N, C-alpha and C. Protein backbone atom coordinates (compact mmCIF):
# COMPACT_ATOMS: atom_id res chain seq x y z
N MET A 1 0.85 -1.18 0.00
CA MET A 1 0.00 0.00 0.00
C MET A 1 0.89 1.24 0.00
N ILE A 2 0.43 2.26 -0.69
CA ILE A 2 1.12 3.55 -0.74
C ILE A 2 0.27 4.57 0.02
N ILE A 3 0.89 5.28 0.94
CA ILE A 3 0.23 6.35 1.67
C ILE A 3 0.83 7.68 1.22
N VAL A 4 -0.04 8.64 0.95
CA VAL A 4 0.38 10.00 0.63
C VAL A 4 -0.17 10.89 1.75
N ALA A 5 0.69 11.69 2.33
CA ALA A 5 0.26 12.59 3.40
C ALA A 5 0.97 13.92 3.23
N GLY A 6 0.26 14.98 3.52
CA GLY A 6 0.90 16.28 3.44
C GLY A 6 -0.07 17.42 3.60
N THR A 7 0.40 18.59 3.21
CA THR A 7 -0.38 19.81 3.38
C THR A 7 -0.19 20.74 2.19
N VAL A 8 -1.12 21.65 2.07
CA VAL A 8 -1.00 22.78 1.14
C VAL A 8 -1.62 23.97 1.85
N ARG A 9 -1.00 25.12 1.71
CA ARG A 9 -1.50 26.33 2.36
C ARG A 9 -2.35 27.12 1.37
N ILE A 10 -3.53 27.52 1.83
CA ILE A 10 -4.46 28.29 1.02
C ILE A 10 -4.82 29.54 1.83
N PRO A 11 -4.84 30.70 1.20
CA PRO A 11 -5.24 31.88 1.96
C PRO A 11 -6.58 31.62 2.65
N ALA A 12 -6.63 31.81 3.95
CA ALA A 12 -7.83 31.49 4.73
C ALA A 12 -9.08 32.16 4.19
N ASP A 13 -8.94 33.38 3.69
CA ASP A 13 -10.11 34.10 3.18
C ASP A 13 -10.57 33.58 1.82
N ARG A 14 -9.83 32.63 1.25
CA ARG A 14 -10.22 32.07 -0.05
C ARG A 14 -10.57 30.59 0.04
N MET A 15 -10.56 30.05 1.25
CA MET A 15 -10.82 28.62 1.46
C MET A 15 -12.18 28.20 0.90
N ASP A 16 -13.19 29.02 1.08
CA ASP A 16 -14.52 28.65 0.58
C ASP A 16 -14.56 28.52 -0.95
N GLU A 17 -13.65 29.19 -1.64
CA GLU A 17 -13.63 29.15 -3.10
C GLU A 17 -13.21 27.79 -3.65
N ILE A 18 -12.55 26.99 -2.86
CA ILE A 18 -12.09 25.68 -3.37
C ILE A 18 -13.06 24.55 -3.10
N ARG A 19 -14.08 24.80 -2.29
CA ARG A 19 -14.96 23.71 -1.83
C ARG A 19 -15.62 22.92 -2.97
N GLU A 20 -16.18 23.60 -3.94
CA GLU A 20 -16.89 22.90 -5.02
C GLU A 20 -15.95 22.01 -5.83
N VAL A 21 -14.80 22.55 -6.21
CA VAL A 21 -13.84 21.76 -6.98
C VAL A 21 -13.24 20.66 -6.11
N ALA A 22 -13.01 20.95 -4.84
CA ALA A 22 -12.49 19.92 -3.92
C ALA A 22 -13.46 18.76 -3.82
N ARG A 23 -14.74 19.07 -3.65
CA ARG A 23 -15.76 18.01 -3.54
C ARG A 23 -15.79 17.16 -4.81
N ALA A 24 -15.77 17.79 -5.97
CA ALA A 24 -15.80 17.04 -7.23
C ALA A 24 -14.55 16.17 -7.37
N THR A 25 -13.40 16.70 -6.97
CA THR A 25 -12.15 15.93 -7.04
C THR A 25 -12.21 14.73 -6.11
N LEU A 26 -12.68 14.94 -4.90
CA LEU A 26 -12.81 13.84 -3.93
C LEU A 26 -13.75 12.76 -4.45
N GLU A 27 -14.92 13.16 -4.91
CA GLU A 27 -15.91 12.18 -5.36
C GLU A 27 -15.39 11.36 -6.54
N THR A 28 -14.74 12.00 -7.49
CA THR A 28 -14.24 11.29 -8.67
C THR A 28 -13.04 10.42 -8.32
N THR A 29 -12.12 10.96 -7.53
CA THR A 29 -10.93 10.19 -7.17
C THR A 29 -11.29 8.93 -6.39
N ARG A 30 -12.25 9.04 -5.50
CA ARG A 30 -12.64 7.88 -4.69
C ARG A 30 -13.19 6.72 -5.52
N LYS A 31 -13.55 7.00 -6.77
CA LYS A 31 -14.03 5.95 -7.67
C LYS A 31 -12.91 5.34 -8.51
N GLU A 32 -11.71 5.91 -8.43
CA GLU A 32 -10.59 5.42 -9.23
C GLU A 32 -10.15 4.03 -8.78
N ALA A 33 -9.69 3.24 -9.74
CA ALA A 33 -9.13 1.93 -9.42
C ALA A 33 -7.94 2.11 -8.46
N GLY A 34 -7.90 1.31 -7.43
CA GLY A 34 -6.77 1.33 -6.51
C GLY A 34 -6.86 2.34 -5.39
N CYS A 35 -7.88 3.20 -5.40
CA CYS A 35 -8.03 4.20 -4.35
C CYS A 35 -8.69 3.55 -3.13
N ILE A 36 -8.01 3.62 -2.00
CA ILE A 36 -8.54 3.09 -0.75
C ILE A 36 -9.11 4.23 0.09
N VAL A 37 -8.34 5.29 0.24
CA VAL A 37 -8.76 6.48 0.99
C VAL A 37 -8.26 7.71 0.24
N TYR A 38 -9.10 8.73 0.15
CA TYR A 38 -8.69 10.01 -0.44
C TYR A 38 -9.44 11.09 0.31
N SER A 39 -8.71 11.95 1.03
CA SER A 39 -9.40 12.94 1.85
C SER A 39 -8.64 14.25 1.97
N TYR A 40 -9.41 15.31 2.18
CA TYR A 40 -8.89 16.63 2.48
C TYR A 40 -9.51 17.04 3.81
N ALA A 41 -8.76 17.78 4.62
CA ALA A 41 -9.30 18.29 5.89
C ALA A 41 -8.68 19.65 6.18
N VAL A 42 -9.52 20.58 6.58
CA VAL A 42 -9.03 21.89 7.00
C VAL A 42 -8.59 21.77 8.45
N ASP A 43 -7.38 22.26 8.74
CA ASP A 43 -6.86 22.21 10.10
C ASP A 43 -7.79 22.98 11.04
N VAL A 44 -8.06 22.43 12.19
CA VAL A 44 -9.00 23.03 13.14
C VAL A 44 -8.47 24.37 13.67
N ILE A 45 -7.16 24.47 13.86
CA ILE A 45 -6.59 25.70 14.41
C ILE A 45 -6.13 26.65 13.32
N ASP A 46 -5.54 26.12 12.27
CA ASP A 46 -4.98 26.94 11.18
C ASP A 46 -5.87 26.79 9.95
N ARG A 47 -6.88 27.64 9.83
CA ARG A 47 -7.89 27.51 8.77
C ARG A 47 -7.31 27.55 7.36
N GLY A 48 -6.14 28.10 7.17
CA GLY A 48 -5.53 28.17 5.85
C GLY A 48 -4.69 26.95 5.50
N LEU A 49 -4.68 25.94 6.38
CA LEU A 49 -3.89 24.74 6.13
C LEU A 49 -4.80 23.59 5.75
N LEU A 50 -4.64 23.09 4.53
CA LEU A 50 -5.41 21.96 4.04
C LEU A 50 -4.55 20.72 4.17
N ARG A 51 -5.04 19.74 4.91
CA ARG A 51 -4.33 18.47 5.09
C ARG A 51 -4.85 17.47 4.06
N ILE A 52 -3.93 16.74 3.47
CA ILE A 52 -4.28 15.76 2.44
C ILE A 52 -3.79 14.39 2.91
N TYR A 53 -4.67 13.39 2.77
CA TYR A 53 -4.30 12.03 3.14
C TYR A 53 -4.89 11.08 2.10
N GLU A 54 -4.04 10.17 1.62
CA GLU A 54 -4.46 9.22 0.59
C GLU A 54 -3.88 7.84 0.90
N GLN A 55 -4.60 6.79 0.49
CA GLN A 55 -4.08 5.42 0.50
C GLN A 55 -4.40 4.81 -0.86
N TRP A 56 -3.38 4.19 -1.45
CA TRP A 56 -3.50 3.57 -2.77
C TRP A 56 -3.01 2.13 -2.70
N GLU A 57 -3.61 1.28 -3.50
CA GLU A 57 -3.21 -0.13 -3.53
C GLU A 57 -1.78 -0.30 -4.00
N SER A 58 -1.33 0.58 -4.91
CA SER A 58 0.02 0.43 -5.47
C SER A 58 0.54 1.76 -5.98
N ARG A 59 1.83 1.82 -6.23
CA ARG A 59 2.45 3.01 -6.82
C ARG A 59 1.88 3.27 -8.21
N ALA A 60 1.59 2.21 -8.96
CA ALA A 60 1.02 2.37 -10.30
C ALA A 60 -0.34 3.06 -10.23
N HIS A 61 -1.15 2.72 -9.24
CA HIS A 61 -2.45 3.39 -9.08
C HIS A 61 -2.27 4.87 -8.74
N LEU A 62 -1.32 5.16 -7.86
CA LEU A 62 -1.04 6.56 -7.52
C LEU A 62 -0.55 7.33 -8.74
N ASP A 63 0.35 6.73 -9.51
CA ASP A 63 0.86 7.39 -10.71
C ASP A 63 -0.27 7.67 -11.71
N ALA A 64 -1.18 6.71 -11.86
CA ALA A 64 -2.31 6.89 -12.78
C ALA A 64 -3.22 8.01 -12.28
N HIS A 65 -3.39 8.11 -10.99
CA HIS A 65 -4.23 9.16 -10.40
C HIS A 65 -3.73 10.55 -10.81
N GLY A 66 -2.44 10.74 -10.76
CA GLY A 66 -1.87 12.04 -11.09
C GLY A 66 -2.10 12.47 -12.53
N LYS A 67 -2.43 11.51 -13.39
CA LYS A 67 -2.65 11.80 -14.81
C LYS A 67 -4.13 11.90 -15.18
N GLN A 68 -5.01 11.79 -14.21
CA GLN A 68 -6.45 11.81 -14.49
C GLN A 68 -6.92 13.22 -14.87
N PRO A 69 -7.83 13.32 -15.83
CA PRO A 69 -8.30 14.64 -16.27
C PRO A 69 -9.00 15.44 -15.17
N HIS A 70 -9.60 14.77 -14.20
CA HIS A 70 -10.29 15.52 -13.15
C HIS A 70 -9.33 16.23 -12.20
N MET A 71 -8.04 15.94 -12.31
CA MET A 71 -7.06 16.64 -11.48
C MET A 71 -6.72 18.02 -12.06
N VAL A 72 -7.00 18.24 -13.34
CA VAL A 72 -6.69 19.51 -13.99
C VAL A 72 -7.45 20.67 -13.34
N PRO A 73 -8.79 20.59 -13.16
CA PRO A 73 -9.49 21.71 -12.53
C PRO A 73 -9.04 21.93 -11.07
N TRP A 74 -8.71 20.86 -10.37
CA TRP A 74 -8.24 20.99 -8.98
C TRP A 74 -6.94 21.78 -8.94
N ARG A 75 -6.00 21.40 -9.77
CA ARG A 75 -4.71 22.11 -9.80
C ARG A 75 -4.90 23.57 -10.23
N ALA A 76 -5.78 23.79 -11.20
CA ALA A 76 -6.03 25.16 -11.67
C ALA A 76 -6.64 26.01 -10.56
N LYS A 77 -7.57 25.45 -9.80
CA LYS A 77 -8.21 26.19 -8.72
C LYS A 77 -7.20 26.52 -7.63
N LEU A 78 -6.33 25.57 -7.30
CA LEU A 78 -5.30 25.85 -6.29
C LEU A 78 -4.42 27.01 -6.72
N LYS A 79 -4.05 27.02 -7.99
CA LYS A 79 -3.22 28.11 -8.52
C LYS A 79 -3.99 29.43 -8.46
N GLU A 80 -5.26 29.38 -8.86
CA GLU A 80 -6.11 30.58 -8.90
C GLU A 80 -6.24 31.24 -7.52
N VAL A 81 -6.38 30.45 -6.48
CA VAL A 81 -6.57 31.02 -5.14
C VAL A 81 -5.25 31.34 -4.44
N GLY A 82 -4.13 31.05 -5.09
CA GLY A 82 -2.84 31.38 -4.51
C GLY A 82 -2.32 30.37 -3.51
N ALA A 83 -2.61 29.10 -3.74
CA ALA A 83 -2.10 28.05 -2.85
C ALA A 83 -0.57 28.06 -2.86
N SER A 84 0.00 27.73 -1.72
CA SER A 84 1.46 27.72 -1.60
C SER A 84 1.88 26.65 -0.59
N GLU A 85 3.15 26.53 -0.40
CA GLU A 85 3.73 25.62 0.59
C GLU A 85 3.20 24.19 0.46
N ARG A 86 3.05 23.73 -0.77
CA ARG A 86 2.60 22.35 -1.00
C ARG A 86 3.69 21.39 -0.54
N SER A 87 3.32 20.48 0.32
CA SER A 87 4.27 19.49 0.84
C SER A 87 3.56 18.15 0.94
N LEU A 88 3.79 17.29 -0.04
CA LEU A 88 3.20 15.95 -0.07
C LEU A 88 4.31 14.92 -0.17
N HIS A 89 4.18 13.84 0.58
CA HIS A 89 5.17 12.77 0.54
C HIS A 89 4.44 11.44 0.44
N SER A 90 5.04 10.50 -0.28
CA SER A 90 4.46 9.16 -0.36
C SER A 90 5.31 8.19 0.43
N TYR A 91 4.65 7.18 0.98
CA TYR A 91 5.31 6.18 1.82
C TYR A 91 4.78 4.81 1.45
N GLU A 92 5.67 3.83 1.43
CA GLU A 92 5.23 2.45 1.26
C GLU A 92 4.93 1.92 2.65
N ALA A 93 3.77 1.28 2.78
CA ALA A 93 3.36 0.80 4.10
C ALA A 93 2.92 -0.66 4.02
N GLY A 94 3.11 -1.33 5.11
CA GLY A 94 2.61 -2.69 5.24
C GLY A 94 1.25 -2.67 5.89
N GLU A 95 0.89 -3.81 6.44
CA GLU A 95 -0.40 -3.92 7.11
C GLU A 95 -0.40 -3.09 8.39
N GLY A 96 -1.42 -2.32 8.60
CA GLY A 96 -1.51 -1.50 9.79
C GLY A 96 -2.07 -2.29 10.98
N MET A 97 -1.84 -1.73 12.15
CA MET A 97 -2.34 -2.33 13.38
C MET A 97 -3.07 -1.26 14.18
N PRO A 98 -4.14 -1.63 14.90
CA PRO A 98 -4.85 -0.65 15.72
C PRO A 98 -3.92 -0.03 16.76
N VAL A 99 -4.16 1.21 17.07
CA VAL A 99 -3.40 1.94 18.09
C VAL A 99 -4.24 2.01 19.35
N GLY A 100 -3.57 1.80 20.48
CA GLY A 100 -4.27 1.96 21.76
C GLY A 100 -4.85 0.73 22.23
């Protein structure tokens, strides 16, 4: 399994502008082959920080995701609102275990 985790900074006063495109991106991506989890979350304390978390069955599925046409409007909207400080990393993971 491949895990992608990271953040992107969006001007807090423009966060509402990304919601429609974010929702469409989430809904379409979650239907992609190999997608296990795909989510965005606004940080509770830092409203301008968007957290991204993904799980993919394989690196090939993740690579295919990056080439999907529905990613074009998402990337364009991020550019339009002045997103910055994008920091995403991928990790190879084995089977997880419950915590606690």
